[in-house]
Amino acid sequence: MLTVTDIMTTDVCTIRSSAKVTQAIALMQAKHVRSLIVEQAVQGGAYGIVTERDIVYKVMAKSADPLHVMVCEIMEHNCIAIDSTLGLLNVAKRFAEANIHRAPVVDNGQLVGVISITDIIMKSNVEAIDLPRDWAQKVQVALRHKRLCWGEACELEQESEVAREVLEKLHTEVVQ
């Protein structure tokens, strides 16, 4: 059985909560990521997360100046941390219950990675999860379309949609 350790992303981009949103945008662009893990404000404290969506909805849509807004003002506080030894079905259930798409991975209180719904779909063997045949076909079709789609935004949107559908199915199976 695959665990979080098997598929998580270990190259985690972090930022301080006191950083300006412009710094977060620059770091996301430089590292080609859609989110940043916000470092613990105090030893043993909770991690946070700031996403592109947070920046768009909480800064840009409100015509706020990203030079004057700090990450701590828009980030998700006390985000759910995932244990590195957790199985993927349990992660899927937690994601579905919390309505989140990514979370920091911790081992003995230390940040060791990040896991997302895209990781679950792209790095695990979906066919081995015993989903109905049409779910595996949907993933395959989405991957084929990904190759035909030009532009990064299109690729991520399709991956996320398939990932959400599969997570909803996994959540239903875990609850039953």
Protein backbone atom coordinates (compact mmCIF):
# COMPACT_ATOMS: atom_id res chain seq x y z
CA MET A 1 0.00 0.00 0.00
CA LEU A 2 1.34 3.41 -0.99
CA THR A 3 1.87 5.99 1.72
CA VAL A 4 2.37 9.73 1.66
CA THR A 5 6.16 9.24 1.77
CA ASP A 6 6.00 7.32 -1.52
CA ILE A 7 4.42 10.14 -3.54
CA MET A 8 4.88 13.44 -1.71
CA THR A 9 6.93 16.27 -3.15
CA THR A 10 10.04 16.70 -1.04
CA ASP A 11 11.27 19.93 -2.61
CA VAL A 12 9.02 22.23 -0.58
CA CYS A 13 8.95 25.97 -1.14
CA THR A 14 8.42 27.85 2.10
CA ILE A 15 7.94 31.48 3.03
CA ARG A 16 7.74 33.45 6.27
CA SER A 17 4.34 34.73 7.35
CA SER A 18 5.81 38.23 7.60
CA ALA A 19 6.82 38.28 3.92
CA LYS A 20 5.00 40.59 1.53
CA VAL A 21 2.65 39.11 -1.06
CA THR A 22 4.95 40.42 -3.80
CA GLN A 23 7.69 38.17 -2.41
CA ALA A 24 5.30 35.21 -2.45
CA ILE A 25 4.36 35.92 -6.07
CA ALA A 26 8.02 36.19 -7.09
CA LEU A 27 8.89 32.93 -5.33
CA MET A 28 5.93 31.09 -6.90
CA GLN A 29 6.97 32.33 -10.34
CA ALA A 30 10.64 31.45 -9.82
CA LYS A 31 9.87 27.95 -8.52
CA HIS A 32 6.90 27.30 -10.86
CA VAL A 33 4.58 26.35 -8.00
CA ARG A 34 0.98 27.21 -7.19
CA SER A 35 1.35 27.35 -3.42
CA LEU A 36 3.86 27.94 -0.65
CA ILE A 37 4.02 26.41 2.80
CA VAL A 38 4.15 29.17 5.40
CA GLU A 39 6.77 28.47 8.02
CA GLN A 40 5.81 28.00 11.66
CA ALA A 41 5.64 31.34 13.47
CA VAL A 42 6.84 29.66 16.66
CA GLN A 43 8.62 26.37 17.33
CA GLY A 44 6.02 23.60 17.39
CA GLY A 45 3.33 25.89 15.94
CA ALA A 46 1.12 25.12 13.00
CA TYR A 47 2.18 25.51 9.40
CA GLY A 48 0.17 27.66 7.04
CA ILE A 49 -0.31 27.68 3.30
CA VAL A 50 -0.73 30.44 0.75
CA THR A 51 -2.00 29.67 -2.74
CA GLU A 52 -2.41 31.48 -6.02
CA ARG A 53 -6.13 31.48 -5.28
CA ASP A 54 -5.54 33.32 -1.98
CA ILE A 55 -3.57 35.99 -3.83
CA VAL A 56 -6.15 36.40 -6.57
CA TYR A 57 -9.24 36.46 -4.34
CA LYS A 58 -7.87 38.17 -1.24
CA VAL A 59 -5.50 40.69 -2.82
CA MET A 60 -6.02 41.27 -6.53
CA ALA A 61 -9.83 41.03 -6.54
CA LYS A 62 -9.97 43.56 -3.71
CA SER A 63 -7.55 45.91 -5.51
CA ALA A 64 -5.16 45.68 -2.57
CA ASP A 65 -1.52 46.52 -3.13
CA PRO A 66 0.58 43.32 -2.88
CA LEU A 67 3.51 45.49 -1.79
CA HIS A 68 1.63 46.35 1.40
CA VAL A 69 -0.13 43.04 2.19
CA MET A 70 1.68 40.41 4.25
CA VAL A 71 1.36 36.68 3.66
CA CYS A 72 -0.07 36.21 7.18
CA GLU A 73 -3.05 38.38 6.21
CA ILE A 74 -4.19 36.10 3.38
CA MET A 75 -2.79 32.64 4.15
CA GLU A 76 -4.73 29.67 5.44
CA HIS A 77 -3.83 29.44 9.12
CA ASN A 78 -3.45 26.15 10.97
CA CYS A 79 -3.76 24.09 7.83
CA ILE A 80 -4.08 20.35 8.21
CA ALA A 81 -0.69 18.65 8.42
CA ILE A 82 -0.46 15.13 7.04
CA ASP A 83 1.66 12.44 8.69
CA SER A 84 4.22 10.99 6.29
CA THR A 85 3.18 7.39 7.05
CA LEU A 86 -0.52 7.88 6.28
CA GLY A 87 -2.08 5.78 3.52
CA LEU A 88 -3.43 7.50 0.41
CA LEU A 89 -7.07 6.59 1.02
CA ASN A 90 -6.90 8.28 4.41
CA VAL A 91 -5.31 11.35 2.84
CA ALA A 92 -8.05 11.44 0.22
CA LYS A 93 -10.67 11.24 2.97
CA ARG A 94 -9.04 14.08 4.93
CA PHE A 95 -8.76 16.24 1.83
CA ALA A 96 -12.41 15.65 0.97
CA GLU A 97 -13.61 16.34 4.52
CA ALA A 98 -11.58 19.55 4.79
CA ASN A 99 -12.24 20.56 1.17
CA ILE A 100 -8.54 21.15 0.52
CA HIS A 101 -6.24 20.29 -2.37
CA ARG A 102 -2.82 20.21 -0.71
CA ALA A 103 -1.21 20.01 2.72
CA PRO A 104 2.20 20.02 4.35
CA VAL A 105 3.64 16.62 5.28
CA VAL A 106 5.26 16.32 8.69
CA ASP A 107 7.37 13.68 10.37
CA ASN A 108 7.99 14.12 14.10
CA GLY A 109 6.82 17.72 13.86
CA GLN A 110 9.27 18.58 11.06
CA LEU A 111 8.23 19.60 7.55
CA VAL A 112 9.37 16.87 5.12
CA GLY A 113 7.20 17.49 2.08
CA VAL A 114 3.90 18.54 0.62
CA ILE A 115 1.15 16.39 -0.89
CA SER A 116 -1.60 17.44 -3.26
CA ILE A 117 -4.53 15.86 -5.02
CA THR A 118 -2.44 16.09 -8.19
CA ASP A 119 0.29 14.00 -6.51
CA ILE A 120 -2.27 11.36 -5.56
CA ILE A 121 -3.53 11.11 -9.12
CA MET A 122 -0.28 11.52 -11.04
CA LYS A 123 2.05 9.46 -8.85
CA SER A 124 -0.12 6.61 -7.63
CA ASN A 125 -1.52 3.62 -9.46
CA VAL A 126 -5.16 4.66 -9.70
CA GLU A 127 -6.18 1.39 -11.34
CA ALA A 128 -4.96 -0.54 -8.27
CA ILE A 129 -7.38 1.37 -6.02
CA ASP A 130 -10.30 -0.72 -7.28
CA LEU A 131 -12.25 2.12 -8.82
CA PRO A 132 -14.87 1.38 -11.46
CA ARG A 133 -13.36 1.04 -14.93
CA ASP A 134 -14.71 4.38 -16.13
CA TRP A 135 -12.68 6.23 -13.47
CA ALA A 136 -9.40 4.85 -14.79
CA GLN A 137 -10.52 5.74 -18.31
CA LYS A 138 -11.29 9.31 -17.21
CA VAL A 139 -7.77 9.66 -15.86
CA GLN A 140 -6.29 8.27 -19.09
CA VAL A 141 -8.40 10.60 -21.23
CA ALA A 142 -7.41 13.58 -19.11
CA LEU A 143 -3.75 12.69 -19.48
CA ARG A 144 -4.11 12.38 -23.27
CA HIS A 145 -5.86 15.75 -23.40
CA LYS A 146 -3.13 17.22 -21.25
CA ARG A 147 -0.63 16.42 -23.98
CA LEU A 148 -2.86 18.09 -26.57
CA CYS A 149 -3.55 21.17 -24.47
CA TRP A 150 -1.29 24.17 -24.87
CA GLY A 151 -0.58 26.31 -21.85
CA GLU A 152 0.18 25.51 -18.25
CA ALA A 153 -3.18 26.70 -16.89
CA CYS A 154 -5.11 24.24 -19.08
CA GLU A 155 -2.99 21.31 -17.92
CA LEU A 156 -3.43 22.10 -14.24
CA GLU A 157 -7.16 22.68 -14.58
CA GLN A 158 -7.72 19.27 -16.19
CA GLU A 159 -5.53 17.46 -13.66
CA SER A 160 -7.35 19.13 -10.79
CA GLU A 161 -10.80 18.27 -12.16
CA VAL A 162 -9.95 14.58 -12.59
CA ALA A 163 -8.26 14.56 -9.19
CA ARG A 164 -11.35 16.05 -7.53
CA GLU A 165 -13.59 13.46 -9.18
CA VAL A 166 -11.38 10.58 -8.07
CA LEU A 167 -11.08 11.96 -4.53
CA GLU A 168 -14.87 12.23 -4.30
CA LYS A 169 -15.14 8.58 -5.38
CA LEU A 170 -12.42 7.51 -2.92
CA HIS A 171 -14.13 9.43 -0.13
CA THR A 172 -17.42 7.69 -0.89
CA GLU A 173 -15.73 4.27 -0.80
CA VAL A 174 -13.88 5.00 2.46
CA VAL A 175 -17.06 6.22 4.20
CA GLN A 176 -19.06 3.12 3.16
